[in-house]
């Protein structure tokens, strides 16, 4: 299997698919932490409102779906690829012959 990166991989933080993926991972981590705290001491998490658990659950379920959908959507507002720095064997440093 050969891996080929997209041409604008330097914008990875601005990709909507990456943002949705990170968001759903954070929601999943929060739910895991809640479940762990509930298993250790139910009194610790007894004050967590039900709406927050519903929000985290929906976010962790819908985040990956949104990530897959967002990967196919064009993002024309991303900046162009920056020019490559000159290599160490580049002798054309200025206008002198």
PDB file of N, CA and C in Angstrom:
ATOM      1  N   UNK A   1       0.854  -1.177   0.000  1.00  0.00           N
ATOM      2  CA  UNK A   1       0.000   0.000   0.000  1.00  0.00           C
ATOM      3  C   UNK A   1       0.894   1.231   0.000  1.00  0.00           C
ATOM      4  N   UNK A   2       0.629   2.145  -0.918  1.00  0.00           N
ATOM      5  CA  UNK A   2       1.409   3.375  -1.004  1.00  0.00           C
ATOM      6  C   UNK A   2       0.586   4.526  -0.448  1.00  0.00           C
ATOM      7  N   UNK A   3       1.246   5.358   0.311  1.00  0.00           N
ATOM      8  CA  UNK A   3       0.578   6.512   0.911  1.00  0.00           C
ATOM      9  C   UNK A   3       0.945   7.752   0.113  1.00  0.00           C
ATOM     10  N   UNK A   4      -0.049   8.483  -0.293  1.00  0.00           N
ATOM     11  CA  UNK A   4       0.167   9.742  -0.996  1.00  0.00           C
ATOM     12  C   UNK A   4      -0.565  10.834  -0.229  1.00  0.00           C
ATOM     13  N   UNK A   5       0.167  11.845   0.158  1.00  0.00           N
ATOM     14  CA  UNK A   5      -0.439  12.958   0.883  1.00  0.00           C
ATOM     15  C   UNK A   5      -1.093  13.922  -0.103  1.00  0.00           C
ATOM     16  N   UNK A   6      -2.126  14.591   0.346  1.00  0.00           N
ATOM     17  CA  UNK A   6      -2.738  15.608  -0.488  1.00  0.00           C
ATOM     18  C   UNK A   6      -1.766  16.774  -0.622  1.00  0.00           C
ATOM     19  N   UNK A   7      -1.932  17.557  -1.678  1.00  0.00           N
ATOM     20  CA  UNK A   7      -0.981  18.633  -1.958  1.00  0.00           C
ATOM     21  C   UNK A   7      -0.976  19.722  -0.898  1.00  0.00           C
ATOM     22  N   UNK A   8      -2.092  19.899  -0.224  1.00  0.00           N
ATOM     23  CA  UNK A   8      -2.165  20.966   0.780  1.00  0.00           C
ATOM     24  C   UNK A   8      -2.156  20.407   2.200  1.00  0.00           C
ATOM     25  N   UNK A   9      -1.371  19.370   2.423  1.00  0.00           N
ATOM     26  CA  UNK A   9      -1.319  18.741   3.749  1.00  0.00           C
ATOM     27  C   UNK A   9      -0.792  19.712   4.814  1.00  0.00           C
ATOM     28  N   UNK A  10      -0.076  20.734   4.397  1.00  0.00           N
ATOM     29  CA  UNK A  10       0.428  21.712   5.364  1.00  0.00           C
ATOM     30  C   UNK A  10      -0.716  22.476   6.038  1.00  0.00           C
ATOM     31  N   UNK A  11      -1.907  22.417   5.480  1.00  0.00           N
ATOM     32  CA  UNK A  11      -3.087  23.069   6.067  1.00  0.00           C
ATOM     33  C   UNK A  11      -3.883  22.123   6.956  1.00  0.00           C
ATOM     34  N   UNK A  12      -3.303  21.064   7.425  1.00  0.00           N
ATOM     35  CA  UNK A  12      -4.055  20.011   8.117  1.00  0.00           C
ATOM     36  C   UNK A  12      -4.902  20.551   9.264  1.00  0.00           C
ATOM     37  N   UNK A  13      -4.455  21.594   9.943  1.00  0.00           N
ATOM     38  CA  UNK A  13      -5.226  22.134  11.065  1.00  0.00           C
ATOM     39  C   UNK A  13      -6.475  22.871  10.600  1.00  0.00           C
ATOM     40  N   UNK A  14      -6.505  23.274   9.337  1.00  0.00           N
ATOM     41  CA  UNK A  14      -7.646  24.014   8.815  1.00  0.00           C
ATOM     42  C   UNK A  14      -8.632  23.121   8.084  1.00  0.00           C
ATOM     43  N   UNK A  15      -8.315  21.842   7.889  1.00  0.00           N
ATOM     44  CA  UNK A  15      -9.239  20.923   7.230  1.00  0.00           C
ATOM     45  C   UNK A  15     -10.439  20.699   8.127  1.00  0.00           C
ATOM     46  N   UNK A  16     -11.622  20.829   7.593  1.00  0.00           N
ATOM     47  CA  UNK A  16     -12.831  20.587   8.380  1.00  0.00           C
ATOM     48  C   UNK A  16     -12.898  19.136   8.842  1.00  0.00           C
ATOM     49  N   UNK A  17     -12.418  18.215   8.021  1.00  0.00           N
ATOM     50  CA  UNK A  17     -12.459  16.809   8.419  1.00  0.00           C
ATOM     51  C   UNK A  17     -11.586  16.560   9.645  1.00  0.00           C
ATOM     52  N   UNK A  18     -10.448  17.214   9.706  1.00  0.00           N
ATOM     53  CA  UNK A  18      -9.567  17.060  10.869  1.00  0.00           C
ATOM     54  C   UNK A  18     -10.200  17.714  12.091  1.00  0.00           C
ATOM     55  N   UNK A  19     -10.813  18.869  11.901  1.00  0.00           N
ATOM     56  CA  UNK A  19     -11.452  19.554  13.023  1.00  0.00           C
ATOM     57  C   UNK A  19     -12.595  18.730  13.600  1.00  0.00           C
ATOM     58  N   UNK A  20     -13.432  18.159  12.718  1.00  0.00           N
ATOM     59  CA  UNK A  20     -14.520  17.310  13.199  1.00  0.00           C
ATOM     60  C   UNK A  20     -13.977  16.045  13.864  1.00  0.00           C
ATOM     61  N   UNK A  21     -12.916  15.482  13.321  1.00  0.00           N
ATOM     62  CA  UNK A  21     -12.322  14.285  13.925  1.00  0.00           C
ATOM     63  C   UNK A  21     -11.783  14.562  15.319  1.00  0.00           C
ATOM     64  N   UNK A  22     -11.093  15.688  15.485  1.00  0.00           N
ATOM     65  CA  UNK A  22     -10.568  16.053  16.803  1.00  0.00           C
ATOM     66  C   UNK A  22     -11.695  16.348  17.785  1.00  0.00           C
ATOM     67  N   UNK A  23     -12.743  16.999  17.296  1.00  0.00           N
ATOM     68  CA  UNK A  23     -13.881  17.310  18.153  1.00  0.00           C
ATOM     69  C   UNK A  23     -14.573  16.041  18.636  1.00  0.00           C
ATOM     70  N   UNK A  24     -14.783  15.086  17.729  1.00  0.00           N
ATOM     71  CA  UNK A  24     -15.434  13.841  18.146  1.00  0.00           C
ATOM     72  C   UNK A  24     -14.535  13.034  19.071  1.00  0.00           C
ATOM     73  N   UNK A  25     -13.222  13.113  18.879  1.00  0.00           N
ATOM     74  CA  UNK A  25     -12.303  12.435  19.801  1.00  0.00           C
ATOM     75  C   UNK A  25     -12.373  13.058  21.193  1.00  0.00           C
ATOM     76  N   UNK A  26     -12.503  14.387  21.258  1.00  0.00           N
ATOM     77  CA  UNK A  26     -12.624  15.051  22.555  1.00  0.00           C
ATOM     78  C   UNK A  26     -13.932  14.672  23.245  1.00  0.00           C
ATOM     79  N   UNK A  27     -15.023  14.609  22.477  1.00  0.00           N
ATOM     80  CA  UNK A  27     -16.300  14.178  23.057  1.00  0.00           C
ATOM     81  C   UNK A  27     -16.213  12.749  23.575  1.00  0.00           C
ATOM     82  N   UNK A  28     -15.602  11.872  22.788  1.00  0.00           N
ATOM     83  CA  UNK A  28     -15.449  10.479  23.213  1.00  0.00           C
ATOM     84  C   UNK A  28     -14.592  10.354  24.456  1.00  0.00           C
ATOM     85  N   UNK A  29     -13.533  11.174  24.528  1.00  0.00           N
ATOM     86  CA  UNK A  29     -12.674  11.144  25.709  1.00  0.00           C
ATOM     87  C   UNK A  29     -13.427  11.630  26.944  1.00  0.00           C
ATOM     88  N   UNK A  30     -14.267  12.653  26.768  1.00  0.00           N
ATOM     89  CA  UNK A  30     -15.058  13.152  27.900  1.00  0.00           C
ATOM     90  C   UNK A  30     -16.048  12.092  28.383  1.00  0.00           C
ATOM     91  N   UNK A  31     -16.665  11.383  27.454  1.00  0.00           N
ATOM     92  CA  UNK A  31     -17.584  10.314  27.851  1.00  0.00           C
ATOM     93  C   UNK A  31     -16.852   9.174  28.550  1.00  0.00           C
ATOM     94  N   UNK A  32     -15.661   8.852  28.083  1.00  0.00           N
ATOM     95  CA  UNK A  32     -14.859   7.808  28.732  1.00  0.00           C
ATOM     96  C   UNK A  32     -14.471   8.230  30.145  1.00  0.00           C
ATOM     97  N   UNK A  33     -14.076   9.490  30.303  1.00  0.00           N
ATOM     98  CA  UNK A  33     -13.730   9.992  31.632  1.00  0.00           C
ATOM     99  C   UNK A  33     -14.946   9.967  32.557  1.00  0.00           C
ATOM    100  N   UNK A  34     -16.103  10.323  32.021  1.00  0.00           N
ATOM    101  CA  UNK A  34     -17.329  10.269  32.815  1.00  0.00           C
ATOM    102  C   UNK A  34     -17.619   8.836  33.249  1.00  0.00           C
ATOM    103  N   UNK A  35     -17.522   7.894  32.320  1.00  0.00           N
ATOM    104  CA  UNK A  35     -17.777   6.495  32.653  1.00  0.00           C
ATOM    105  C   UNK A  35     -16.799   5.960  33.689  1.00  0.00           C
ATOM    106  N   UNK A  36     -15.542   6.363  33.577  1.00  0.00           N
ATOM    107  CA  UNK A  36     -14.544   5.933  34.564  1.00  0.00           C
ATOM    108  C   UNK A  36     -14.841   6.515  35.934  1.00  0.00           C
ATOM    109  N   UNK A  37     -15.194   7.804  35.977  1.00  0.00           N
ATOM    110  CA  UNK A  37     -15.519   8.431  37.263  1.00  0.00           C
ATOM    111  C   UNK A  37     -16.780   7.829  37.861  1.00  0.00           C
ATOM    112  N   UNK A  38     -17.730   7.472  37.015  1.00  0.00           N
ATOM    113  CA  UNK A  38     -18.966   6.847  37.491  1.00  0.00           C
ATOM    114  C   UNK A  38     -18.686   5.468  38.083  1.00  0.00           C
ATOM    115  N   UNK A  39     -17.752   4.747  37.472  1.00  0.00           N
ATOM    116  CA  UNK A  39     -17.403   3.417  37.984  1.00  0.00           C
ATOM    117  C   UNK A  39     -16.641   3.504  39.304  1.00  0.00           C
ATOM    118  N   UNK A  40     -15.841   4.562  39.470  1.00  0.00           N
ATOM    119  CA  UNK A  40     -15.037   4.695  40.687  1.00  0.00           C
ATOM    120  C   UNK A  40     -15.885   5.231  41.839  1.00  0.00           C
ATOM    121  N   UNK A  41     -16.550   6.368  41.601  1.00  0.00           N
ATOM    122  CA  UNK A  41     -17.351   6.988  42.665  1.00  0.00           C
ATOM    123  C   UNK A  41     -18.538   7.700  42.029  1.00  0.00           C
ATOM    124  N   UNK A  42     -19.710   7.086  42.034  1.00  0.00           N
ATOM    125  CA  UNK A  42     -20.891   7.712  41.415  1.00  0.00           C
ATOM    126  C   UNK A  42     -21.227   9.091  41.981  1.00  0.00           C
ATOM    127  N   UNK A  43     -20.864   9.347  43.213  1.00  0.00           N
ATOM    128  CA  UNK A  43     -21.187  10.643  43.808  1.00  0.00           C
ATOM    129  C   UNK A  43     -20.401  11.784  43.155  1.00  0.00           C
ATOM    130  N   UNK A  44     -19.248  11.463  42.536  1.00  0.00           N
ATOM    131  CA  UNK A  44     -18.430  12.502  41.898  1.00  0.00           C
ATOM    132  C   UNK A  44     -19.150  13.101  40.697  1.00  0.00           C
ATOM    133  N   UNK A  45     -19.840  12.269  39.936  1.00  0.00           N
ATOM    134  CA  UNK A  45     -20.481  12.731  38.710  1.00  0.00           C
ATOM    135  C   UNK A  45     -21.999  12.862  38.841  1.00  0.00           C
ATOM    136  N   UNK A  46     -22.511  12.798  40.046  1.00  0.00           N
ATOM    137  CA  UNK A  46     -23.967  12.870  40.220  1.00  0.00           C
ATOM    138  C   UNK A  46     -24.533  14.227  39.827  1.00  0.00           C
ATOM    139  N   UNK A  47     -23.718  15.259  39.814  1.00  0.00           N
ATOM    140  CA  UNK A  47     -24.193  16.598  39.473  1.00  0.00           C
ATOM    141  C   UNK A  47     -24.096  16.936  37.999  1.00  0.00           C
ATOM    142  N   UNK A  48     -23.618  16.011  37.184  1.00  0.00           N
ATOM    143  CA  UNK A  48     -23.503  16.278  35.752  1.00  0.00           C
ATOM    144  C   UNK A  48     -24.905  16.263  35.141  1.00  0.00           C
ATOM    145  N   UNK A  49     -25.298  17.351  34.468  1.00  0.00           N
ATOM    146  CA  UNK A  49     -26.654  17.397  33.904  1.00  0.00           C
ATOM    147  C   UNK A  49     -26.826  16.413  32.742  1.00  0.00           C
ATOM    148  N   UNK A  50     -28.041  15.935  32.595  1.00  0.00           N
ATOM    149  CA  UNK A  50     -28.336  14.951  31.562  1.00  0.00           C
ATOM    150  C   UNK A  50     -28.145  15.532  30.156  1.00  0.00           C
ATOM    151  N   UNK A  51     -28.452  16.814  29.972  1.00  0.00           N
ATOM    152  CA  UNK A  51     -28.295  17.429  28.661  1.00  0.00           C
ATOM    153  C   UNK A  51     -26.843  17.417  28.205  1.00  0.00           C
ATOM    154  N   UNK A  52     -25.907  17.544  29.161  1.00  0.00           N
ATOM    155  CA  UNK A  52     -24.489  17.521  28.807  1.00  0.00           C
ATOM    156  C   UNK A  52     -24.079  16.132  28.315  1.00  0.00           C
ATOM    157  N   UNK A  53     -24.569  15.101  28.978  1.00  0.00           N
ATOM    158  CA  UNK A  53     -24.270  13.738  28.525  1.00  0.00           C
ATOM    159  C   UNK A  53     -24.875  13.475  27.148  1.00  0.00           C
ATOM    160  N   UNK A  54     -26.068  13.977  26.911  1.00  0.00           N
ATOM    161  CA  UNK A  54     -26.698  13.826  25.596  1.00  0.00           C
ATOM    162  C   UNK A  54     -25.895  14.555  24.531  1.00  0.00           C
ATOM    163  N   UNK A  55     -25.441  15.755  24.836  1.00  0.00           N
ATOM    164  CA  UNK A  55     -24.629  16.542  23.909  1.00  0.00           C
ATOM    165  C   UNK A  55     -23.325  15.820  23.582  1.00  0.00           C
ATOM    166  N   UNK A  56     -22.637  15.306  24.597  1.00  0.00           N
ATOM    167  CA  UNK A  56     -21.381  14.592  24.367  1.00  0.00           C
ATOM    168  C   UNK A  56     -21.599  13.311  23.556  1.00  0.00           C
ATOM    169  N   UNK A  57     -22.678  12.615  23.844  1.00  0.00           N
ATOM    170  CA  UNK A  57     -22.976  11.387  23.111  1.00  0.00           C
ATOM    171  C   UNK A  57     -23.260  11.684  21.643  1.00  0.00           C
ATOM    172  N   UNK A  58     -24.097  12.674  21.386  1.00  0.00           N
ATOM    173  CA  UNK A  58     -24.396  13.029  20.004  1.00  0.00           C
ATOM    174  C   UNK A  58     -23.163  13.550  19.275  1.00  0.00           C
ATOM    175  N   UNK A  59     -22.353  14.338  19.967  1.00  0.00           N
ATOM    176  CA  UNK A  59     -21.125  14.850  19.353  1.00  0.00           C
ATOM    177  C   UNK A  59     -20.147  13.752  19.003  1.00  0.00           C
ATOM    178  N   UNK A  60     -20.018  12.766  19.861  1.00  0.00           N
ATOM    179  CA  UNK A  60     -19.082  11.675  19.574  1.00  0.00           C
ATOM    180  C   UNK A  60     -19.611  10.750  18.488  1.00  0.00           C
ATOM    181  N   UNK A  61     -20.932  10.702  18.301  1.00  0.00           N
ATOM    182  CA  UNK A  61     -21.502   9.869  17.240  1.00  0.00           C
ATOM    183  C   UNK A  61     -21.535  10.605  15.897  1.00  0.00           C
ATOM    184  N   UNK A  62     -21.868  11.879  15.902  1.00  0.00           N
ATOM    185  CA  UNK A  62     -22.001  12.630  14.658  1.00  0.00           C
ATOM    186  C   UNK A  62     -20.680  13.199  14.151  1.00  0.00           C
ATOM    187  N   UNK A  63     -19.699  13.348  15.026  1.00  0.00           N
ATOM    188  CA  UNK A  63     -18.401  13.891  14.622  1.00  0.00           C
ATOM    189  C   UNK A  63     -17.715  13.098  13.521  1.00  0.00           C
ATOM    190  N   UNK A  64     -17.586  11.786  13.667  1.00  0.00           N
ATOM    191  CA  UNK A  64     -16.946  11.018  12.588  1.00  0.00           C
ATOM    192  C   UNK A  64     -17.721  11.062  11.271  1.00  0.00           C
ATOM    193  N   UNK A  65     -19.037  11.101  11.349  1.00  0.00           N
ATOM    194  CA  UNK A  65     -19.841  11.199  10.129  1.00  0.00           C
ATOM    195  C   UNK A  65     -19.587  12.551   9.451  1.00  0.00           C
ATOM    196  N   UNK A  66     -19.580  13.608  10.239  1.00  0.00           N
ATOM    197  CA  UNK A  66     -19.296  14.939   9.695  1.00  0.00           C
ATOM    198  C   UNK A  66     -17.888  15.013   9.127  1.00  0.00           C
ATOM    199  N   UNK A  67     -16.952  14.319   9.747  1.00  0.00           N
ATOM    200  CA  UNK A  67     -15.579  14.302   9.267  1.00  0.00           C
ATOM    201  C   UNK A  67     -15.476  13.671   7.887  1.00  0.00           C
ATOM    202  N   UNK A  68     -16.175  12.564   7.688  1.00  0.00           N
ATOM    203  CA  UNK A  68     -16.154  11.893   6.391  1.00  0.00           C
ATOM    204  C   UNK A  68     -16.823  12.764   5.324  1.00  0.00           C
ATOM    205  N   UNK A  69     -17.936  13.381   5.661  1.00  0.00           N
ATOM    206  CA  UNK A  69     -18.625  14.252   4.709  1.00  0.00           C
ATOM    207  C   UNK A  69     -17.766  15.468   4.383  1.00  0.00           C
ATOM    208  N   UNK A  70     -17.153  16.061   5.391  1.00  0.00           N
ATOM    209  CA  UNK A  70     -16.354  17.269   5.180  1.00  0.00           C
ATOM    210  C   UNK A  70     -15.116  17.001   4.333  1.00  0.00           C
ATOM    211  N   UNK A  71     -14.636  15.789   4.333  1.00  0.00           N
ATOM    212  CA  UNK A  71     -13.444  15.489   3.544  1.00  0.00           C
ATOM    213  C   UNK A  71     -13.718  15.629   2.053  1.00  0.00           C
ATOM    214  N   UNK A  72     -14.955  15.437   1.648  1.00  0.00           N
ATOM    215  CA  UNK A  72     -15.303  15.528   0.230  1.00  0.00           C
ATOM    216  C   UNK A  72     -15.688  16.938  -0.202  1.00  0.00           C
ATOM    217  N   UNK A  73     -15.815  17.863   0.746  1.00  0.00           N
ATOM    218  CA  UNK A  73     -16.234  19.228   0.419  1.00  0.00           C
ATOM    219  C   UNK A  73     -15.003  20.086   0.143  1.00  0.00           C
ATOM    220  N   UNK A  74     -15.052  20.821  -0.952  1.00  0.00           N
ATOM    221  CA  UNK A  74     -13.947  21.694  -1.334  1.00  0.00           C
ATOM    222  C   UNK A  74     -13.869  22.876  -0.373  1.00  0.00           C
ATOM    223  N   UNK A  75     -12.653  23.248   0.003  1.00  0.00           N
ATOM    224  CA  UNK A  75     -12.431  24.395   0.874  1.00  0.00           C
ATOM    225  C   UNK A  75     -11.555  25.404   0.133  1.00  0.00           C
ATOM    226  N   UNK A  76     -12.156  26.253  -0.698  1.00  0.00           N
ATOM    227  CA  UNK A  76     -11.366  27.181  -1.505  1.00  0.00           C
ATOM    228  C   UNK A  76     -10.671  28.279  -0.705  1.00  0.00           C
ATOM    229  N   UNK A  77     -11.027  28.461   0.554  1.00  0.00           N
ATOM    230  CA  UNK A  77     -10.433  29.529   1.365  1.00  0.00           C
ATOM    231  C   UNK A  77      -9.082  29.144   1.962  1.00  0.00           C
ATOM    232  N   UNK A  78      -8.593  27.947   1.697  1.00  0.00           N
ATOM    233  CA  UNK A  78      -7.292  27.547   2.227  1.00  0.00           C
ATOM    234  C   UNK A  78      -6.186  28.258   1.459  1.00  0.00           C
ATOM    235  N   UNK A  79      -5.116  28.670   2.141  1.00  0.00           N
ATOM    236  CA  UNK A  79      -4.038  29.367   1.443  1.00  0.00           C
ATOM    237  C   UNK A  79      -3.275  28.419   0.519  1.00  0.00           C
ATOM    238  N   UNK A  80      -2.638  29.007  -0.460  1.00  0.00           N
ATOM    239  CA  UNK A  80      -1.819  28.218  -1.382  1.00  0.00           C
ATOM    240  C   UNK A  80      -0.594  27.671  -0.657  1.00  0.00           C
ATOM    241  N   UNK A  81      -0.009  26.662  -1.242  1.00  0.00           N
ATOM    242  CA  UNK A  81       1.171  26.053  -0.630  1.00  0.00           C
ATOM    243  C   UNK A  81       2.321  27.064  -0.620  1.00  0.00           C
ATOM    244  N   UNK A  82       3.024  27.197   0.508  1.00  0.00           N
ATOM    245  CA  UNK A  82       4.138  28.139   0.560  1.00  0.00           C
ATOM    246  C   UNK A  82       5.271  27.668  -0.339  1.00  0.00           C
ATOM    247  N   UNK A  83       6.075  28.607  -0.855  1.00  0.00           N
ATOM    248  CA  UNK A  83       7.178  28.190  -1.713  1.00  0.00           C
ATOM    249  C   UNK A  83       8.203  27.372  -0.928  1.00  0.00           C
ATOM    250  N   UNK A  84       8.794  26.431  -1.614  1.00  0.00           N
ATOM    251  CA  UNK A  84       9.799  25.583  -0.973  1.00  0.00           C
ATOM    252  C   UNK A  84      11.054  26.397  -0.691  1.00  0.00           C
ATOM    253  N   UNK A  85      11.693  26.183   0.459  1.00  0.00           N
ATOM    254  CA  UNK A  85      12.930  26.907   0.749  1.00  0.00           C
ATOM    255  C   UNK A  85      14.030  26.436  -0.204  1.00  0.00           C
ATOM    256  N   UNK A  86      14.996  27.311  -0.492  1.00  0.00           N
ATOM    257  CA  UNK A  86      16.073  26.891  -1.394  1.00  0.00           C
ATOM    258  C   UNK A  86      16.875  25.750  -0.773  1.00  0.00           C
ATOM    259  N   UNK A  87      17.284  24.851  -1.614  1.00  0.00           N
ATOM    260  CA  UNK A  87      18.065  23.715  -1.108  1.00  0.00           C
ATOM    261  C   UNK A  87      19.493  24.152  -0.814  1.00  0.00           C
ATOM    262  N   UNK A  88      20.213  23.318  -0.126  1.00  0.00           N
ATOM    263  CA  UNK A  88      21.576  23.671   0.294  1.00  0.00           C
ATOM    264  C   UNK A  88      22.538  23.753  -0.888  1.00  0.00           C
ATOM    265  N   UNK A  89      22.196  23.170  -2.027  1.00  0.00           N
ATOM    266  CA  UNK A  89      23.087  23.240  -3.180  1.00  0.00           C
ATOM    267  C   UNK A  89      22.610  24.260  -4.204  1.00  0.00           C
ATOM    268  N   UNK A  90      21.775  25.193  -3.788  1.00  0.00           N
ATOM    269  CA  UNK A  90      21.273  26.228  -4.679  1.00  0.00           C
ATOM    270  C   UNK A  90      22.291  27.364  -4.719  1.00  0.00           C
ATOM    271  N   UNK A  91      22.976  27.519  -5.848  1.00  0.00           N
ATOM    272  CA  UNK A  91      24.025  28.528  -5.977  1.00  0.00           C
ATOM    273  C   UNK A  91      23.513  29.827  -6.572  1.00  0.00           C
ATOM    274  N   UNK A  92      22.242  29.921  -6.874  1.00  0.00           N
ATOM    275  CA  UNK A  92      21.677  31.114  -7.488  1.00  0.00           C
ATOM    276  C   UNK A  92      21.144  32.033  -6.403  1.00  0.00           C
ATOM    277  N   UNK A  93      22.053  32.688  -5.707  1.00  0.00           N
ATOM    278  CA  UNK A  93      21.673  33.568  -4.605  1.00  0.00           C
ATOM    279  C   UNK A  93      21.890  35.009  -4.980  1.00  0.00           C
ATOM    280  N   UNK A  94      21.027  35.527  -5.785  1.00  0.00           N
ATOM    281  CA  UNK A  94      21.152  36.919  -6.205  1.00  0.00           C
ATOM    282  C   UNK A  94      21.313  37.011  -7.710  1.00  0.00           C
ATOM    283  N   UNK A  95      21.613  38.229  -8.164  1.00  0.00           N
ATOM    284  CA  UNK A  95      21.688  38.469  -9.599  1.00  0.00           C
ATOM    285  C   UNK A  95      23.114  38.425 -10.133  1.00  0.00           C
ATOM    286  N   UNK A  96      24.087  38.190  -9.303  1.00  0.00           N
ATOM    287  CA  UNK A  96      25.470  38.156  -9.783  1.00  0.00           C
ATOM    288  C   UNK A  96      25.722  36.899 -10.590  1.00  0.00           C
ATOM    289  N   UNK A  97      26.516  37.022 -11.688  1.00  0.00           N
ATOM    290  CA  UNK A  97      26.765  35.843 -12.531  1.00  0.00           C
ATOM    291  C   UNK A  97      27.641  34.804 -11.890  1.00  0.00           C
TER     292      UNK A  97
END
